[in-house]
C-alpha atoms as a PDB file:
ATOM      1  CA  MET A   1     -16.741 185.940 221.665  1.00  0.00           C
ATOM      2  CA  ARG A   2     -13.420 185.541 220.729  1.00  0.00           C
ATOM      3  CA  ASN A   3     -11.822 182.816 218.039  1.00  0.00           C
ATOM      4  CA  SER A   4     -10.349 179.716 219.939  1.00  0.00           C
ATOM      5  CA  ILE A   5      -8.253 177.896 216.975  1.00  0.00           C
ATOM      6  CA  ALA A   6      -6.871 174.375 217.638  1.00  0.00           C
ATOM      7  CA  PRO A   7      -5.095 172.258 215.337  1.00  0.00           C
ATOM      8  CA  LEU A   8      -7.468 169.076 214.773  1.00  0.00           C
ATOM      9  CA  ASN A   9      -6.568 166.225 217.061  1.00  0.00           C
ATOM     10  CA  ALA A  10      -8.777 162.448 217.190  1.00  0.00           C
ATOM     11  CA  ASP A  11      -8.487 162.420 220.456  1.00  0.00           C
ATOM     12  CA  LYS A  12      -9.895 165.671 221.666  1.00  0.00           C
ATOM     13  CA  HIS A  13     -11.915 166.528 218.518  1.00  0.00           C
ATOM     14  CA  LEU A  14     -13.585 163.100 218.010  1.00  0.00           C
ATOM     15  CA  ASN A  15     -16.912 163.602 218.918  1.00  0.00           C
ATOM     16  CA  ILE A  16     -17.514 167.478 217.550  1.00  0.00           C
ATOM     17  CA  ALA A  17     -19.278 167.900 214.539  1.00  0.00           C
ATOM     18  CA  ILE A  18     -19.818 170.676 211.994  1.00  0.00           C
ATOM     19  CA  GLU A  19     -22.778 171.783 211.340  1.00  0.00           C
ATOM     20  CA  GLU A  20     -23.440 173.363 207.495  1.00  0.00           C
ATOM     21  CA  SER A  21     -24.631 177.133 207.610  1.00  0.00           C
ATOM     22  CA  LYS A  22     -25.902 180.067 204.739  1.00  0.00           C
ATOM     23  CA  ASP A  23     -25.368 182.597 207.705  1.00  0.00           C
ATOM     24  CA  PHE A  24     -22.421 184.537 206.675  1.00  0.00           C
ATOM     25  CA  ARG A  25     -23.331 187.464 209.108  1.00  0.00           C
ATOM     26  CA  ARG A  26     -19.923 187.288 210.513  1.00  0.00           C
ATOM     27  CA  PHE A  27     -18.752 189.050 207.012  1.00  0.00           C
ATOM     28  CA  ALA A  28     -21.646 191.714 208.165  1.00  0.00           C
ATOM     29  CA  GLU A  29     -18.924 194.379 208.494  1.00  0.00           C
ATOM     30  CA  GLN A  30     -16.475 193.762 205.619  1.00  0.00           C
ATOM     31  CA  HIS A  31     -17.795 195.227 202.452  1.00  0.00           C
ATOM     32  CA  LEU A  32     -14.387 194.163 200.387  1.00  0.00           C
ATOM     33  CA  ILE A  33     -14.377 190.072 200.364  1.00  0.00           C
ATOM     34  CA  PRO A  34     -11.095 189.003 199.153  1.00  0.00           C
ATOM     35  CA  VAL A  35     -11.613 186.066 196.137  1.00  0.00           C
ATOM     36  CA  VAL A  36      -9.529 184.295 193.883  1.00  0.00           C
ATOM     37  CA  PHE A  37      -9.395 184.740 189.881  1.00  0.00           C
ATOM     38  CA  HIS A  38     -10.610 181.291 189.765  1.00  0.00           C
ATOM     39  CA  GLU A  39     -13.983 182.494 190.350  1.00  0.00           C
ATOM     40  CA  PHE A  40     -13.973 185.639 188.534  1.00  0.00           C
ATOM     41  CA  GLN A  41     -15.814 184.359 185.864  1.00  0.00           C
ATOM     42  CA  HIS A  42     -19.285 183.548 187.651  1.00  0.00           C
ATOM     43  CA  LEU A  43     -18.846 186.165 190.486  1.00  0.00           C
ATOM     44  CA  ALA A  44     -18.485 188.548 188.091  1.00  0.00           C
ATOM     45  CA  THR A  45     -22.689 188.111 187.328  1.00  0.00           C
ATOM     46  CA  GLU A  46     -23.461 189.384 190.537  1.00  0.00           C
ATOM     47  CA  PHE A  47     -20.657 191.639 192.279  1.00  0.00           C
ATOM     48  CA  PRO A  48     -18.433 194.171 191.021  1.00  0.00           C
ATOM     49  CA  LEU A  49     -14.548 192.632 191.113  1.00  0.00           C
ATOM     50  CA  VAL A  50     -12.278 195.282 191.783  1.00  0.00           C
ATOM     51  CA  PHE A  51      -8.835 195.321 193.160  1.00  0.00           C
ATOM     52  CA  VAL A  52      -7.667 196.791 196.633  1.00  0.00           C
ATOM     53  CA  LYS A  53      -3.261 197.346 197.503  1.00  0.00           C
ATOM     54  CA  ASN A  54      -2.428 196.360 201.018  1.00  0.00           C
ATOM     55  CA  SER A  55      -0.742 199.154 202.409  1.00  0.00           C
ATOM     56  CA  GLU A  56       2.213 197.026 204.313  1.00  0.00           C
ATOM     57  CA  THR A  57       3.317 195.152 201.657  1.00  0.00           C
ATOM     58  CA  GLY A  58       2.117 196.796 198.530  1.00  0.00           C
ATOM     59  CA  GLN A  59       0.602 193.798 197.031  1.00  0.00           C
ATOM     60  CA  PHE A  60      -2.443 193.655 194.839  1.00  0.00           C
ATOM     61  CA  ILE A  61      -5.233 191.345 196.248  1.00  0.00           C
ATOM     62  CA  PRO A  62      -8.680 191.638 193.849  1.00  0.00           C
ATOM     63  CA  VAL A  63     -12.315 191.336 196.068  1.00  0.00           C
ATOM     64  CA  ALA A  64     -15.862 191.541 195.660  1.00  0.00           C
ATOM     65  CA  LEU A  65     -17.564 194.957 196.336  1.00  0.00           C
ATOM     66  CA  MET A  66     -20.634 193.936 198.760  1.00  0.00           C
ATOM     67  CA  GLY A  67     -21.683 197.320 199.913  1.00  0.00           C
ATOM     68  CA  ILE A  68     -21.126 200.942 199.131  1.00  0.00           C
ATOM     69  CA  LYS A  69     -20.337 202.139 202.579  1.00  0.00           C
ATOM     70  CA  ASN A  70     -17.323 201.055 204.850  1.00  0.00           C
ATOM     71  CA  GLY A  71     -18.104 198.649 207.431  1.00  0.00           C
ATOM     72  CA  LEU A  72     -21.676 197.738 205.765  1.00  0.00           C
ATOM     73  CA  ASN A  73     -21.609 194.333 203.471  1.00  0.00           C
ATOM     74  CA  LEU A  74     -25.229 194.206 202.426  1.00  0.00           C
ATOM     75  CA  TYR A  75     -25.372 190.920 201.475  1.00  0.00           C
ATOM     76  CA  CYS A  76     -24.378 189.773 204.707  1.00  0.00           C
ATOM     77  CA  GLN A  77     -27.082 191.495 207.144  1.00  0.00           C
ATOM     78  CA  GLN A  78     -29.795 188.655 207.209  1.00  0.00           C
ATOM     79  CA  GLN A  79     -29.229 184.894 208.617  1.00  0.00           C
ATOM     80  CA  GLU A  80     -29.685 183.600 204.955  1.00  0.00           C
ATOM     81  CA  TRP A  81     -28.165 184.032 202.216  1.00  0.00           C
ATOM     82  CA  GLN A  82     -30.509 185.351 199.909  1.00  0.00           C
ATOM     83  CA  THR A  83     -28.554 185.127 196.035  1.00  0.00           C
ATOM     84  CA  ILE A  84     -26.994 181.598 194.241  1.00  0.00           C
ATOM     85  CA  LEU A  85     -23.213 182.917 194.416  1.00  0.00           C
ATOM     86  CA  ARG A  86     -21.083 183.412 197.430  1.00  0.00           C
ATOM     87  CA  PRO A  87     -17.181 183.399 197.354  1.00  0.00           C
ATOM     88  CA  MET A  88     -15.271 180.621 197.839  1.00  0.00           C
ATOM     89  CA  GLY A  89     -13.819 181.551 201.355  1.00  0.00           C
ATOM     90  CA  PHE A  90     -17.263 181.584 202.938  1.00  0.00           C
ATOM     91  CA  ASN A  91     -17.591 178.351 203.036  1.00  0.00           C
ATOM     92  CA  ASN A  92     -14.227 177.599 205.132  1.00  0.00           C
ATOM     93  CA  ALA A  93     -15.319 178.501 208.722  1.00  0.00           C
ATOM     94  CA  PRO A  94     -15.002 176.760 210.902  1.00  0.00           C
ATOM     95  CA  LEU A  95     -12.067 175.282 209.813  1.00  0.00           C
ATOM     96  CA  SER A  96      -8.486 176.647 208.679  1.00  0.00           C
ATOM     97  CA  LEU A  97      -4.715 175.612 207.392  1.00  0.00           C
ATOM     98  CA  PHE A  98      -1.847 176.975 209.056  1.00  0.00           C
ATOM     99  CA  LYS A  99       1.736 175.826 208.435  1.00  0.00           C
ATOM    100  CA  THR A 100       3.886 173.812 210.728  1.00  0.00           C
ATOM    101  CA  ASP A 101       6.738 175.811 210.050  1.00  0.00           C
ATOM    102  CA  GLU A 102       7.082 178.903 207.754  1.00  0.00           C
ATOM    103  CA  LYS A 103      10.465 177.223 205.637  1.00  0.00           C
ATOM    104  CA  SER A 104       7.773 174.350 204.830  1.00  0.00           C
ATOM    105  CA  ASP A 105       4.723 173.779 202.919  1.00  0.00           C
ATOM    106  CA  ASP A 106       3.442 171.359 205.481  1.00  0.00           C
ATOM    107  CA  VAL A 107       0.489 172.550 206.819  1.00  0.00           C
ATOM    108  CA  MET A 108      -2.253 171.530 209.528  1.00  0.00           C
ATOM    109  CA  VAL A 109      -5.972 171.614 209.314  1.00  0.00           C
ATOM    110  CA  CYS A 110      -7.168 173.470 212.499  1.00  0.00           C
ATOM    111  CA  VAL A 111     -10.537 174.356 213.395  1.00  0.00           C
ATOM    112  CA  ASP A 112     -12.520 177.221 215.656  1.00  0.00           C
ATOM    113  CA  GLU A 113     -13.317 175.756 218.825  1.00  0.00           C
ATOM    114  CA  SER A 114     -15.919 178.315 219.505  1.00  0.00           C
ATOM    115  CA  SER A 115     -17.616 178.579 216.326  1.00  0.00           C
ATOM    116  CA  GLU A 116     -21.077 178.504 216.479  1.00  0.00           C
ATOM    117  CA  LEU A 117     -21.164 175.779 213.566  1.00  0.00           C
ATOM    118  CA  VAL A 118     -19.190 173.146 216.344  1.00  0.00           C
ATOM    119  CA  VAL A 119     -21.853 170.957 217.772  1.00  0.00           C
ATOM    120  CA  ALA A 120     -21.690 168.024 219.707  1.00  0.00           C
ATOM    121  CA  LYS A 121     -25.174 166.471 217.933  1.00  0.00           C
ATOM    122  CA  GLY A 122     -25.902 165.904 214.199  1.00  0.00           C
ATOM    123  CA  GLY A 123     -24.352 167.905 211.892  1.00  0.00           C
ATOM    124  CA  HIS A 124     -20.820 166.434 209.806  1.00  0.00           C
ATOM    125  CA  ARG A 125     -18.179 164.400 212.321  1.00  0.00           C
ATOM    126  CA  LEU A 126     -14.924 164.991 211.488  1.00  0.00           C
ATOM    127  CA  PHE A 127     -13.394 161.655 212.710  1.00  0.00           C
ATOM    128  CA  ASN A 128     -15.356 158.145 212.717  1.00  0.00           C
ATOM    129  CA  ASP A 129     -15.341 156.274 215.836  1.00  0.00           C
ATOM    130  CA  ASP A 130     -11.670 154.074 215.003  1.00  0.00           C
ATOM    131  CA  LYS A 131     -10.472 157.859 214.909  1.00  0.00           C
ATOM    132  CA  GLU A 132      -9.771 158.129 211.064  1.00  0.00           C
ATOM    133  CA  GLN A 133     -10.529 161.339 209.437  1.00  0.00           C
ATOM    134  CA  SER A 134     -14.353 161.174 208.245  1.00  0.00           C
ATOM    135  CA  ASP A 135     -15.032 161.483 203.973  1.00  0.00           C
ATOM    136  CA  TYR A 136     -16.034 164.490 205.140  1.00  0.00           C
ATOM    137  CA  LEU A 137     -12.946 166.063 206.859  1.00  0.00           C
ATOM    138  CA  LYS A 138     -11.245 164.945 203.759  1.00  0.00           C
ATOM    139  CA  ALA A 139     -13.275 166.841 201.319  1.00  0.00           C
ATOM    140  CA  ARG A 140     -13.412 169.919 203.831  1.00  0.00           C
ATOM    141  CA  THR A 141      -9.387 169.360 203.554  1.00  0.00           C
ATOM    142  CA  LYS A 142      -8.965 169.172 199.877  1.00  0.00           C
ATOM    143  CA  ALA A 143     -11.244 172.416 199.921  1.00  0.00           C
ATOM    144  CA  LEU A 144      -8.942 174.261 202.204  1.00  0.00           C
ATOM    145  CA  VAL A 145      -5.617 173.403 200.078  1.00  0.00           C
ATOM    146  CA  ASP A 146      -7.101 174.217 196.581  1.00  0.00           C
ATOM    147  CA  ILE A 147      -8.558 177.541 198.494  1.00  0.00           C
ATOM    148  CA  ALA A 148      -4.940 178.150 199.527  1.00  0.00           C
ATOM    149  CA  SER A 149      -3.144 177.119 196.173  1.00  0.00           C
ATOM    150  CA  TYR A 150      -5.483 179.482 194.310  1.00  0.00           C
ATOM    151  CA  SER A 151      -4.830 182.328 196.426  1.00  0.00           C
ATOM    152  CA  HIS A 152      -0.722 181.582 196.052  1.00  0.00           C
ATOM    153  CA  GLN A 153      -1.725 181.593 191.936  1.00  0.00           C
ATOM    154  CA  THR A 154      -4.148 184.567 192.330  1.00  0.00           C
ATOM    155  CA  ALA A 155      -1.514 186.453 194.437  1.00  0.00           C
ATOM    156  CA  ASN A 156       1.230 185.443 191.583  1.00  0.00           C
ATOM    157  CA  ILE A 157      -1.217 186.752 188.469  1.00  0.00           C
ATOM    158  CA  CYS A 158      -1.929 190.402 190.597  1.00  0.00           C
ATOM    159  CA  GLN A 159       1.992 190.826 190.312  1.00  0.00           C
ATOM    160  CA  PHE A 160       2.276 189.888 187.108  1.00  0.00           C
ATOM    161  CA  LEU A 161      -0.740 192.281 185.847  1.00  0.00           C
ATOM    162  CA  ALA A 162       0.465 195.486 188.041  1.00  0.00           C
ATOM    163  CA  SER A 163       4.148 194.409 186.535  1.00  0.00           C
ATOM    164  CA  LYS A 164       2.770 195.135 182.689  1.00  0.00           C
ATOM    165  CA  GLY A 165       1.088 198.725 184.208  1.00  0.00           C
ATOM    166  CA  LEU A 166      -2.371 196.590 183.910  1.00  0.00           C
ATOM    167  CA  LEU A 167      -3.552 198.033 187.247  1.00  0.00           C
ATOM    168  CA  THR A 168      -4.995 201.421 187.509  1.00  0.00           C
ATOM    169  CA  PRO A 169      -6.575 203.711 190.658  1.00  0.00           C
ATOM    170  CA  LYS A 170      -9.931 204.119 189.920  1.00  0.00           C
ATOM    171  CA  GLN A 171     -12.778 206.585 192.049  1.00  0.00           C
ATOM    172  CA  LEU A 172     -15.700 204.899 192.049  1.00  0.00           C
ATOM    173  CA  SER A 173     -18.595 207.930 192.540  1.00  0.00           C
ATOM    174  CA  VAL A 174     -21.860 206.936 193.732  1.00  0.00           C
ATOM    175  CA  LYS A 175     -24.853 208.688 194.128  1.00  0.00           C
ATOM    176  CA  LEU A 176     -28.190 207.517 196.672  1.00  0.00           C
ATOM    177  CA  LEU A 177     -31.750 208.448 197.223  1.00  0.00           C
ATOM    178  CA  LYS A 178     -31.342 209.372 200.673  1.00  0.00           C
ATOM    179  CA  ASP A 179     -27.678 211.054 200.436  1.00  0.00           C
ATOM    180  CA  GLU A 180     -27.410 214.577 199.187  1.00  0.00           C
ATOM    181  CA  GLN A 181     -23.632 213.886 198.703  1.00  0.00           C
ATOM    182  CA  VAL A 182     -21.877 211.501 196.153  1.00  0.00           C
ATOM    183  CA  ILE A 183     -20.496 208.851 197.815  1.00  0.00           C
ATOM    184  CA  ASN A 184     -16.549 208.547 196.708  1.00  0.00           C
ATOM    185  CA  ILE A 185     -14.872 204.647 196.813  1.00  0.00           C
ATOM    186  CA  ASP A 186     -11.557 205.301 196.904  1.00  0.00           C
ATOM    187  CA  GLY A 187      -8.305 202.944 197.314  1.00  0.00           C
ATOM    188  CA  VAL A 188      -9.902 200.814 194.301  1.00  0.00           C
ATOM    189  CA  TYR A 189      -7.932 199.239 191.432  1.00  0.00           C
ATOM    190  CA  ILE A 190      -9.239 198.695 187.971  1.00  0.00           C
ATOM    191  CA  VAL A 191      -7.643 196.821 185.020  1.00  0.00           C
ATOM    192  CA  ASP A 192      -6.770 200.071 182.674  1.00  0.00           C
ATOM    193  CA  GLU A 193      -8.306 199.073 179.235  1.00  0.00           C
ATOM    194  CA  LYS A 194      -6.498 201.657 177.364  1.00  0.00           C
ATOM    195  CA  GLN A 195      -3.165 200.108 178.660  1.00  0.00           C
ATOM    196  CA  LEU A 196      -4.081 196.891 177.985  1.00  0.00           C
ATOM    197  CA  ASN A 197      -5.550 197.521 174.236  1.00  0.00           C
ATOM    198  CA  SER A 198      -1.535 199.094 173.888  1.00  0.00           C
ATOM    199  CA  LEU A 199       0.298 196.399 175.206  1.00  0.00           C
ATOM    200  CA  LYS A 200       2.837 195.033 172.886  1.00  0.00           C
ATOM    201  CA  ASN A 201       1.973 192.121 170.987  1.00  0.00           C
ATOM    202  CA  ASP A 202       3.965 189.778 172.946  1.00  0.00           C
ATOM    203  CA  ASP A 203       3.003 190.676 176.260  1.00  0.00           C
ATOM    204  CA  PHE A 204      -0.798 190.813 174.734  1.00  0.00           C
ATOM    205  CA  LEU A 205       0.216 186.756 173.602  1.00  0.00           C
ATOM    206  CA  THR A 206       1.311 186.042 177.109  1.00  0.00           C
ATOM    207  CA  LEU A 207      -1.874 187.451 178.761  1.00  0.00           C
ATOM    208  CA  LYS A 208      -3.800 184.916 176.412  1.00  0.00           C
ATOM    209  CA  GLU A 209      -1.132 181.887 177.023  1.00  0.00           C
ATOM    210  CA  LYS A 210      -1.666 181.957 180.640  1.00  0.00           C
ATOM    211  CA  GLY A 211      -5.576 182.311 179.709  1.00  0.00           C
ATOM    212  CA  LEU A 212      -5.705 185.316 181.825  1.00  0.00           C
ATOM    213  CA  LEU A 213      -8.207 187.348 179.048  1.00  0.00           C
ATOM    214  CA  PRO A 214     -10.893 185.514 180.155  1.00  0.00           C
ATOM    215  CA  LEU A 215     -10.574 186.544 183.744  1.00  0.00           C
ATOM    216  CA  ILE A 216      -9.499 190.319 183.097  1.00  0.00           C
ATOM    217  CA  TYR A 217     -12.713 190.592 181.129  1.00  0.00           C
ATOM    218  CA  ALA A 218     -14.879 189.259 183.515  1.00  0.00           C
ATOM    219  CA  HIS A 219     -13.429 191.711 185.896  1.00  0.00           C
ATOM    220  CA  LEU A 220     -14.564 194.737 183.503  1.00  0.00           C
ATOM    221  CA  THR A 221     -17.783 193.071 182.851  1.00  0.00           C
ATOM    222  CA  SER A 222     -18.412 192.940 186.538  1.00  0.00           C
ATOM    223  CA  LEU A 223     -18.309 197.029 187.102  1.00  0.00           C
ATOM    224  CA  GLN A 224     -21.265 196.989 185.609  1.00  0.00           C
ATOM    225  CA  GLN A 225     -22.798 195.075 188.909  1.00  0.00           C
ATOM    226  CA  LEU A 226     -22.364 198.776 190.638  1.00  0.00           C
ATOM    227  CA  ALA A 227     -25.937 199.426 189.702  1.00  0.00           C
ATOM    228  CA  ARG A 228     -26.999 196.404 191.537  1.00  0.00           C
ATOM    229  CA  LEU A 229     -25.232 197.541 194.703  1.00  0.00           C
ATOM    230  CA  ILE A 230     -26.861 201.187 194.607  1.00  0.00           C
ATOM    231  CA  ASP A 231     -30.363 199.417 194.440  1.00  0.00           C
ATOM    232  CA  LYS A 232     -29.192 196.842 196.783  1.00  0.00           C
ATOM    233  CA  GLN A 233     -28.152 200.119 199.155  1.00  0.00           C
ATOM    234  CA  ASN A 234     -31.171 202.434 198.506  1.00  0.00           C
ATOM    235  CA  GLN A 235     -33.488 199.678 199.114  1.00  0.00           C
ATOM    236  CA  TYR A 236     -31.384 198.869 202.371  1.00  0.00           C
ATOM    237  CA  ASP A 237     -31.763 202.784 203.036  1.00  0.00           C
ATOM    238  CA  LEU A 238     -35.411 202.616 202.832  1.00  0.00           C
ATOM    239  CA  ASN A 239     -35.910 199.726 205.358  1.00  0.00           C
ATOM    240  CA  GLN A 240     -33.829 201.743 208.039  1.00  0.00           C
END
């Protein structure tokens, strides 16, 4: 089903509501999930957090690695989300923010009218009978604005790390029980520990003052979660 995105309107959407769901199978074929630095420290306990580069803009994007193989998100194959942690962006649907004008910072909240989360009965109403925004919509709007702000800050942080030569390509090699050949995960970047440790004192102090050191160490620690992904892939293959 195609998305049907429309700006929220109190008259048009007065009687619709949104259901909360832990069904994230819409990401079932997306093994790289964009994340923001503000969630690095808790996501690092479950997912490998790495960087990929946008081939068109050259911009680095942090992602949670949720699958070994392209097109297979191991966490989103079941109807119910199985772990305690999940990326902030999973909670957006069916709402989204769009700029009203490319030259302005003003945004409008839109809803995907075709989403299964949009219901006529039950769920959380977006508008009260008086056509005022419900407390639920206000909270969801704030969350969307926060994530947009975090994404902007994340882009700036990535640019800063890249400017210091801290992001280096890394080929992740994985051997699975059912595959004779080693699987190489390419296009991934990580923070270069050697380069980090050889930074000039002023540059290292800048990382500290910007509060980036805990985020960098969370990223490096998260790479140990690759073993968890390998185990999940092996279990998935055994059940096929």
